[in-house]
PDB file of N, CA and C in Angstrom:
ATOM      1  N   MET A   1       0.865  -1.225   0.021  1.00  0.00           N
ATOM      2  CA  MET A   1      -0.065   0.044   0.024  1.00  0.00           C
ATOM      3  C   MET A   1       0.857   1.214  -0.025  1.00  0.00           C
ATOM      4  N   GLN A   2       1.967   1.193   0.620  1.00  0.00           N
ATOM      5  CA  GLN A   2       2.888   2.381   0.670  1.00  0.00           C
ATOM      6  C   GLN A   2       3.409   2.761  -0.675  1.00  0.00           C
ATOM      7  N   ALA A   3       3.673   1.654  -1.532  1.00  0.00           N
ATOM      8  CA  ALA A   3       4.116   1.874  -2.838  1.00  0.00           C
ATOM      9  C   ALA A   3       3.088   2.660  -3.751  1.00  0.00           C
ATOM     10  N   LEU A   4       1.772   2.314  -3.535  1.00  0.00           N
ATOM     11  CA  LEU A   4       0.738   2.987  -4.216  1.00  0.00           C
ATOM     12  C   LEU A   4       0.679   4.423  -3.917  1.00  0.00           C
ATOM     13  N   ARG A   5       0.874   4.623  -2.497  1.00  0.00           N
ATOM     14  CA  ARG A   5       0.780   6.096  -2.081  1.00  0.00           C
ATOM     15  C   ARG A   5       2.034   6.833  -2.763  1.00  0.00           C
ATOM     16  N   ILE A   6       3.251   6.366  -2.775  1.00  0.00           N
ATOM     17  CA  ILE A   6       4.309   7.012  -3.413  1.00  0.00           C
ATOM     18  C   ILE A   6       4.107   7.205  -4.920  1.00  0.00           C
ATOM     19  N   VAL A   7       3.416   6.328  -5.658  1.00  0.00           N
ATOM     20  CA  VAL A   7       3.170   6.522  -7.000  1.00  0.00           C
ATOM     21  C   VAL A   7       2.166   7.613  -7.185  1.00  0.00           C
ATOM     22  N   LEU A   8       1.081   7.584  -6.354  1.00  0.00           N
ATOM     23  CA  LEU A   8       0.064   8.630  -6.409  1.00  0.00           C
ATOM     24  C   LEU A   8       0.673  10.017  -6.090  1.00  0.00           C
ATOM     25  N   LEU A   9       1.642  10.044  -5.188  1.00  0.00           N
ATOM     26  CA  LEU A   9       2.182  11.301  -4.797  1.00  0.00           C
ATOM     27  C   LEU A   9       3.061  11.898  -5.969  1.00  0.00           C
ATOM     28  N   ILE A  10       3.760  10.943  -6.652  1.00  0.00           N
ATOM     29  CA  ILE A  10       4.552  11.358  -7.856  1.00  0.00           C
ATOM     30  C   ILE A  10       3.705  11.850  -8.850  1.00  0.00           C
ATOM     31  N   VAL A  11       2.553  11.210  -9.199  1.00  0.00           N
ATOM     32  CA  VAL A  11       1.553  11.690 -10.168  1.00  0.00           C
ATOM     33  C   VAL A  11       1.009  12.995  -9.794  1.00  0.00           C
ATOM     34  N   PHE A  12       0.756  13.157  -8.478  1.00  0.00           N
ATOM     35  CA  PHE A  12       0.212  14.438  -7.943  1.00  0.00           C
ATOM     36  C   PHE A  12       1.183  15.489  -8.178  1.00  0.00           C
ATOM     37  N   ILE A  13       2.430  15.349  -7.967  1.00  0.00           N
ATOM     38  CA  ILE A  13       3.489  16.384  -8.156  1.00  0.00           C
ATOM     39  C   ILE A  13       3.571  16.715  -9.569  1.00  0.00           C
ATOM     40  N   ILE A  14       3.501  15.822 -10.529  1.00  0.00           N
ATOM     41  CA  ILE A  14       3.601  16.116 -11.871  1.00  0.00           C
ATOM     42  C   ILE A  14       2.380  16.938 -12.375  1.00  0.00           C
ATOM     43  N   ILE A  15       1.196  16.487 -11.843  1.00  0.00           N
ATOM     44  CA  ILE A  15       0.033  17.284 -12.160  1.00  0.00           C
ATOM     45  C   ILE A  15       0.055  18.718 -11.618  1.00  0.00           C
ATOM     46  N   CYS A  16       0.631  18.888 -10.480  1.00  0.00           N
ATOM     47  CA  CYS A  16       0.858  20.248  -9.825  1.00  0.00           C
ATOM     48  C   CYS A  16       1.729  21.029 -10.819  1.00  0.00           C
ATOM     49  N   LEU A  17       2.793  20.516 -11.152  1.00  0.00           N
ATOM     50  CA  LEU A  17       3.785  21.297 -12.033  1.00  0.00           C
ATOM     51  C   LEU A  17       3.225  21.594 -13.348  1.00  0.00           C
ATOM     52  N   ALA A  18       2.422  20.627 -13.943  1.00  0.00           N
ATOM     53  CA  ALA A  18       1.846  20.910 -15.271  1.00  0.00           C
ATOM     54  C   ALA A  18       0.680  21.900 -15.146  1.00  0.00           C
ATOM     55  N   LEU A  19      -0.007  21.948 -14.116  1.00  0.00           N
ATOM     56  CA  LEU A  19      -1.077  22.963 -13.952  1.00  0.00           C
ATOM     57  C   LEU A  19      -0.460  24.256 -13.731  1.00  0.00           C
ATOM     58  N   VAL A  20       0.613  24.352 -13.002  1.00  0.00           N
ATOM     59  CA  VAL A  20       1.226  25.724 -12.852  1.00  0.00           C
ATOM     60  C   VAL A  20       1.655  26.193 -14.279  1.00  0.00           C
ATOM     61  N   ILE A  21       2.392  25.407 -15.033  1.00  0.00           N
ATOM     62  CA  ILE A  21       2.880  25.770 -16.290  1.00  0.00           C
ATOM     63  C   ILE A  21       1.668  26.049 -17.257  1.00  0.00           C
ATOM     64  N   LEU A  22       0.628  25.308 -17.296  1.00  0.00           N
ATOM     65  CA  LEU A  22      -0.443  25.659 -18.141  1.00  0.00           C
ATOM     66  C   LEU A  22      -1.185  27.103 -17.859  1.00  0.00           C
ATOM     67  N   VAL A  23      -1.311  27.266 -16.496  1.00  0.00           N
ATOM     68  CA  VAL A  23      -1.960  28.491 -16.165  1.00  0.00           C
ATOM     69  C   VAL A  23      -1.023  29.722 -16.523  1.00  0.00           C
ATOM     70  N   LEU A  24       0.285  29.518 -16.323  1.00  0.00           N
ATOM     71  CA  LEU A  24       1.238  30.645 -16.745  1.00  0.00           C
ATOM     72  C   LEU A  24       1.214  30.885 -18.261  1.00  0.00           C
ATOM     73  N   MET A  25       0.879  29.804 -19.017  1.00  0.00           N
ATOM     74  CA  MET A  25       0.951  29.939 -20.487  1.00  0.00           C
ATOM     75  C   MET A  25      -0.238  30.687 -21.099  1.00  0.00           C
ATOM     76  N   GLN A  26      -1.232  30.661 -20.209  1.00  0.00           N
ATOM     77  CA  GLN A  26      -2.568  31.266 -20.751  1.00  0.00           C
ATOM     78  C   GLN A  26      -2.612  32.755 -20.858  1.00  0.00           C
ATOM     79  N   GLU A  27      -3.331  33.302 -21.675  1.00  0.00           N
ATOM     80  CA  GLU A  27      -3.494  34.749 -21.739  1.00  0.00           C
ATOM     81  C   GLU A  27      -4.537  35.239 -20.745  1.00  0.00           C
ATOM     82  N   GLY A  28      -4.510  36.591 -20.427  1.00  0.00           N
ATOM     83  CA  GLY A  28      -5.318  37.120 -19.527  1.00  0.00           C
ATOM     84  C   GLY A  28      -6.867  37.145 -19.996  1.00  0.00           C
ATOM     85  N   ARG A  29      -7.781  37.171 -19.135  1.00  0.00           N
ATOM     86  CA  ARG A  29      -9.276  37.192 -19.679  1.00  0.00           C
ATOM     87  C   ARG A  29      -9.729  38.657 -19.840  1.00  0.00           C
ATOM     88  N   SER A  30      -8.957  39.569 -19.455  1.00  0.00           N
ATOM     89  CA  SER A  30      -9.440  40.993 -19.640  1.00  0.00           C
ATOM     90  C   SER A  30      -9.360  41.349 -21.134  1.00  0.00           C
ATOM     91  N   ALA A  31     -10.598  41.866 -21.620  1.00  0.00           N
ATOM     92  CA  ALA A  31     -10.692  42.282 -23.068  1.00  0.00           C
ATOM     93  C   ALA A  31     -10.075  43.579 -23.238  1.00  0.00           C
ATOM     94  N   GLY A  32      -9.939  44.535 -22.336  1.00  0.00           N
ATOM     95  CA  GLY A  32      -9.388  45.744 -22.435  1.00  0.00           C
ATOM     96  C   GLY A  32     -10.245  46.663 -23.261  1.00  0.00           C
ATOM     97  N   LEU A  33      -9.787  47.493 -24.161  1.00  0.00           N
ATOM     98  CA  LEU A  33     -10.491  48.328 -25.029  1.00  0.00           C
ATOM     99  C   LEU A  33     -11.145  47.706 -26.124  1.00  0.00           C
ATOM    100  N   GLY A  34     -10.590  46.435 -26.495  1.00  0.00           N
ATOM    101  CA  GLY A  34     -11.234  45.622 -27.589  1.00  0.00           C
ATOM    102  C   GLY A  34     -12.670  45.372 -27.419  1.00  0.00           C
ATOM    103  N   ALA A  35     -13.140  45.274 -26.154  1.00  0.00           N
ATOM    104  CA  ALA A  35     -14.537  44.945 -25.913  1.00  0.00           C
ATOM    105  C   ALA A  35     -15.541  46.106 -26.330  1.00  0.00           C
ATOM    106  N   ILE A  36     -14.860  47.346 -26.243  1.00  0.00           N
ATOM    107  CA  ILE A  36     -15.802  48.511 -26.593  1.00  0.00           C
ATOM    108  C   ILE A  36     -15.931  48.435 -28.160  1.00  0.00           C
ATOM    109  N   SER A  37     -14.960  48.225 -28.930  1.00  0.00           N
ATOM    110  CA  SER A  37     -15.100  48.318 -30.418  1.00  0.00           C
ATOM    111  C   SER A  37     -15.656  47.036 -31.076  1.00  0.00           C
ATOM    112  N   GLY A  38     -15.887  46.007 -30.245  1.00  0.00           N
ATOM    113  CA  GLY A  38     -16.397  44.772 -30.760  1.00  0.00           C
ATOM    114  C   GLY A  38     -15.345  43.905 -31.356  1.00  0.00           C
ATOM    115  N   ALA A  39     -14.131  43.969 -30.888  1.00  0.00           N
ATOM    116  CA  ALA A  39     -13.007  43.217 -31.568  1.00  0.00           C
ATOM    117  C   ALA A  39     -13.081  41.754 -31.164  1.00  0.00           C
ATOM    118  N   ALA A  40     -13.775  41.482 -30.143  1.00  0.00           N
ATOM    119  CA  ALA A  40     -13.923  40.096 -29.693  1.00  0.00           C
ATOM    120  C   ALA A  40     -14.818  39.281 -30.571  1.00  0.00           C
ATOM    121  N   GLU A  41     -15.562  39.966 -31.440  1.00  0.00           N
ATOM    122  CA  GLU A  41     -16.495  39.269 -32.272  1.00  0.00           C
ATOM    123  C   GLU A  41     -15.905  38.924 -33.667  1.00  0.00           C
ATOM    124  N   THR A  42     -14.577  38.926 -33.753  1.00  0.00           N
ATOM    125  CA  THR A  42     -13.863  38.540 -34.902  1.00  0.00           C
ATOM    126  C   THR A  42     -13.892  36.984 -35.271  1.00  0.00           C
ATOM    127  N   TYR A  43     -13.275  36.537 -36.167  1.00  0.00           N
ATOM    128  CA  TYR A  43     -13.190  35.135 -36.481  1.00  0.00           C
ATOM    129  C   TYR A  43     -12.388  34.438 -35.456  1.00  0.00           C
ATOM    130  N   TRP A  44     -11.335  34.995 -34.904  1.00  0.00           N
ATOM    131  CA  TRP A  44     -10.489  34.472 -33.910  1.00  0.00           C
ATOM    132  C   TRP A  44     -11.207  34.456 -32.568  1.00  0.00           C
ATOM    133  N   GLY A  45     -12.045  35.499 -32.268  1.00  0.00           N
ATOM    134  CA  GLY A  45     -12.767  35.423 -31.110  1.00  0.00           C
ATOM    135  C   GLY A  45     -13.905  34.348 -31.066  1.00  0.00           C
ATOM    136  N   LYS A  46     -14.488  34.062 -32.187  1.00  0.00           N
ATOM    137  CA  LYS A  46     -15.606  33.094 -32.191  1.00  0.00           C
ATOM    138  C   LYS A  46     -14.954  31.645 -32.238  1.00  0.00           C
ATOM    139  N   ASN A  47     -13.841  31.393 -32.713  1.00  0.00           N
ATOM    140  CA  ASN A  47     -13.284  30.017 -32.931  1.00  0.00           C
ATOM    141  C   ASN A  47     -12.102  29.907 -31.891  1.00  0.00           C
ATOM    142  N   LYS A  48     -12.223  30.486 -30.738  1.00  0.00           N
ATOM    143  CA  LYS A  48     -11.223  30.424 -29.730  1.00  0.00           C
ATOM    144  C   LYS A  48     -11.124  28.943 -29.207  1.00  0.00           C
ATOM    145  N   GLY A  49     -12.204  28.228 -29.231  1.00  0.00           N
ATOM    146  CA  GLY A  49     -12.128  26.911 -28.599  1.00  0.00           C
ATOM    147  C   GLY A  49     -11.291  25.924 -29.460  1.00  0.00           C
ATOM    148  N   ARG A  50     -11.141  26.262 -30.666  1.00  0.00           N
ATOM    149  CA  ARG A  50     -10.363  25.206 -31.628  1.00  0.00           C
ATOM    150  C   ARG A  50      -8.875  25.696 -31.669  1.00  0.00           C
ATOM    151  N   SER A  51      -8.565  26.824 -31.034  1.00  0.00           N
ATOM    152  CA  SER A  51      -7.220  27.335 -31.161  1.00  0.00           C
ATOM    153  C   SER A  51      -6.430  26.688 -30.016  1.00  0.00           C
ATOM    154  N   MET A  52      -5.044  27.047 -29.858  1.00  0.00           N
ATOM    155  CA  MET A  52      -4.211  26.598 -28.866  1.00  0.00           C
ATOM    156  C   MET A  52      -4.550  27.137 -27.444  1.00  0.00           C
ATOM    157  N   GLU A  53      -5.223  28.337 -27.495  1.00  0.00           N
ATOM    158  CA  GLU A  53      -5.773  28.850 -26.317  1.00  0.00           C
ATOM    159  C   GLU A  53      -6.879  27.952 -25.752  1.00  0.00           C
ATOM    160  N   GLY A  54      -7.665  27.544 -26.624  1.00  0.00           N
ATOM    161  CA  GLY A  54      -8.826  26.682 -26.197  1.00  0.00           C
ATOM    162  C   GLY A  54      -8.308  25.276 -25.719  1.00  0.00           C
ATOM    163  N   ALA A  55      -7.368  24.822 -26.330  1.00  0.00           N
ATOM    164  CA  ALA A  55      -6.824  23.576 -25.945  1.00  0.00           C
ATOM    165  C   ALA A  55      -6.103  23.677 -24.462  1.00  0.00           C
ATOM    166  N   LEU A  56      -5.411  24.820 -24.282  1.00  0.00           N
ATOM    167  CA  LEU A  56      -4.879  25.085 -22.952  1.00  0.00           C
ATOM    168  C   LEU A  56      -5.944  25.173 -21.913  1.00  0.00           C
ATOM    169  N   ALA A  57      -7.045  25.832 -22.232  1.00  0.00           N
ATOM    170  CA  ALA A  57      -8.154  25.888 -21.214  1.00  0.00           C
ATOM    171  C   ALA A  57      -8.650  24.508 -20.885  1.00  0.00           C
ATOM    172  N   LYS A  58      -8.897  23.670 -22.057  1.00  0.00           N
ATOM    173  CA  LYS A  58      -9.395  22.366 -21.646  1.00  0.00           C
ATOM    174  C   LYS A  58      -8.411  21.559 -20.872  1.00  0.00           C
ATOM    175  N   MET A  59      -7.159  21.549 -21.234  1.00  0.00           N
ATOM    176  CA  MET A  59      -6.148  20.844 -20.395  1.00  0.00           C
ATOM    177  C   MET A  59      -6.147  21.269 -18.873  1.00  0.00           C
ATOM    178  N   THR A  60      -6.291  22.608 -18.767  1.00  0.00           N
ATOM    179  CA  THR A  60      -6.320  23.116 -17.457  1.00  0.00           C
ATOM    180  C   THR A  60      -7.548  22.596 -16.637  1.00  0.00           C
ATOM    181  N   LYS A  61      -8.645  22.475 -17.321  1.00  0.00           N
ATOM    182  CA  LYS A  61      -9.821  22.014 -16.575  1.00  0.00           C
ATOM    183  C   LYS A  61      -9.578  20.493 -16.176  1.00  0.00           C
ATOM    184  N   TYR A  62      -9.059  19.710 -17.076  1.00  0.00           N
ATOM    185  CA  TYR A  62      -8.908  18.365 -16.833  1.00  0.00           C
ATOM    186  C   TYR A  62      -7.847  18.083 -15.698  1.00  0.00           C
ATOM    187  N   LEU A  63      -6.683  18.881 -15.859  1.00  0.00           N
ATOM    188  CA  LEU A  63      -5.672  18.796 -14.804  1.00  0.00           C
ATOM    189  C   LEU A  63      -6.175  19.262 -13.398  1.00  0.00           C
ATOM    190  N   ALA A  64      -6.994  20.336 -13.417  1.00  0.00           N
ATOM    191  CA  ALA A  64      -7.606  20.652 -12.067  1.00  0.00           C
ATOM    192  C   ALA A  64      -8.501  19.701 -11.469  1.00  0.00           C
ATOM    193  N   ALA A  65      -9.242  19.008 -12.352  1.00  0.00           N
ATOM    194  CA  ALA A  65     -10.122  17.862 -11.794  1.00  0.00           C
ATOM    195  C   ALA A  65      -9.295  16.809 -11.268  1.00  0.00           C
ATOM    196  N   GLY A  66      -8.192  16.383 -11.955  1.00  0.00           N
ATOM    197  CA  GLY A  66      -7.330  15.410 -11.485  1.00  0.00           C
ATOM    198  C   GLY A  66      -6.571  15.765 -10.182  1.00  0.00           C
ATOM    199  N   PHE A  67      -6.205  17.105 -10.145  1.00  0.00           N
ATOM    200  CA  PHE A  67      -5.555  17.659  -8.912  1.00  0.00           C
ATOM    201  C   PHE A  67      -6.523  17.477  -7.631  1.00  0.00           C
ATOM    202  N   ILE A  68      -7.826  17.811  -7.931  1.00  0.00           N
ATOM    203  CA  ILE A  68      -8.814  17.788  -6.836  1.00  0.00           C
ATOM    204  C   ILE A  68      -9.079  16.261  -6.377  1.00  0.00           C
ATOM    205  N   LEU A  69      -9.170  15.506  -7.364  1.00  0.00           N
ATOM    206  CA  LEU A  69      -9.354  14.008  -7.062  1.00  0.00           C
ATOM    207  C   LEU A  69      -8.205  13.418  -6.364  1.00  0.00           C
ATOM    208  N   LEU A  70      -7.022  13.651  -6.836  1.00  0.00           N
ATOM    209  CA  LEU A  70      -5.877  13.056  -6.111  1.00  0.00           C
ATOM    210  C   LEU A  70      -5.732  13.692  -4.798  1.00  0.00           C
ATOM    211  N   SER A  71      -5.970  14.978  -4.596  1.00  0.00           N
ATOM    212  CA  SER A  71      -5.788  15.565  -3.217  1.00  0.00           C
ATOM    213  C   SER A  71      -6.742  14.889  -2.261  1.00  0.00           C
ATOM    214  N   VAL A  72      -7.959  14.565  -2.696  1.00  0.00           N
ATOM    215  CA  VAL A  72      -8.945  13.927  -1.860  1.00  0.00           C
ATOM    216  C   VAL A  72      -8.507  12.449  -1.447  1.00  0.00           C
ATOM    217  N   ILE A  73      -7.984  11.777  -2.535  1.00  0.00           N
ATOM    218  CA  ILE A  73      -7.657  10.395  -2.318  1.00  0.00           C
ATOM    219  C   ILE A  73      -6.379  10.379  -1.495  1.00  0.00           C
ATOM    220  N   LEU A  74      -5.402  11.262  -1.599  1.00  0.00           N
ATOM    221  CA  LEU A  74      -4.218  11.213  -0.799  1.00  0.00           C
ATOM    222  C   LEU A  74      -4.497  11.610   0.670  1.00  0.00           C
ATOM    223  N   ASN A  75      -5.560  12.378   0.843  1.00  0.00           N
ATOM    224  CA  ASN A  75      -5.829  12.773   2.307  1.00  0.00           C
ATOM    225  C   ASN A  75      -6.713  11.790   3.052  1.00  0.00           C
ATOM    226  N   LEU A  76      -7.207  10.813   2.276  1.00  0.00           N
ATOM    227  CA  LEU A  76      -7.891   9.744   2.966  1.00  0.00           C
ATOM    228  C   LEU A  76      -6.855   8.811   3.733  1.00  0.00           C
ATOM    229  N   ASN A  77      -7.061   8.555   4.922  1.00  0.00           N
ATOM    230  CA  ASN A  77      -6.168   7.781   5.647  1.00  0.00           C
ATOM    231  C   ASN A  77      -6.254   6.278   5.429  1.00  0.00           C
ATOM    232  N   VAL A  78      -6.392   5.963   4.270  1.00  0.00           N
ATOM    233  CA  VAL A  78      -6.564   4.537   3.819  1.00  0.00           C
ATOM    234  C   VAL A  78      -5.177   3.777   3.600  1.00  0.00           C
ATOM    235  N   PHE A  79      -4.300   4.639   3.238  1.00  0.00           N
ATOM    236  CA  PHE A  79      -2.968   4.090   2.894  1.00  0.00           C
ATOM    237  C   PHE A  79      -2.127   4.073   4.166  1.00  0.00           C
TER     238      PHE A  79
END
């Protein structure tokens, strides 16, 4: 059981580091003055989910869910 805890801890640390890197790679959410002129309604604004920024957002969500799940599992005193 101790070996499983060590493996889960290593996976947890990897997820933590990946989550920090992904959050730092993302752009800010503030639209600035572009929101006034409607610049967010361009082609790139509408298809943001298919771009690299959308992929980073999806990966961040999945890693955050994994982070929460592993933190709950590791804090159970089963191991």
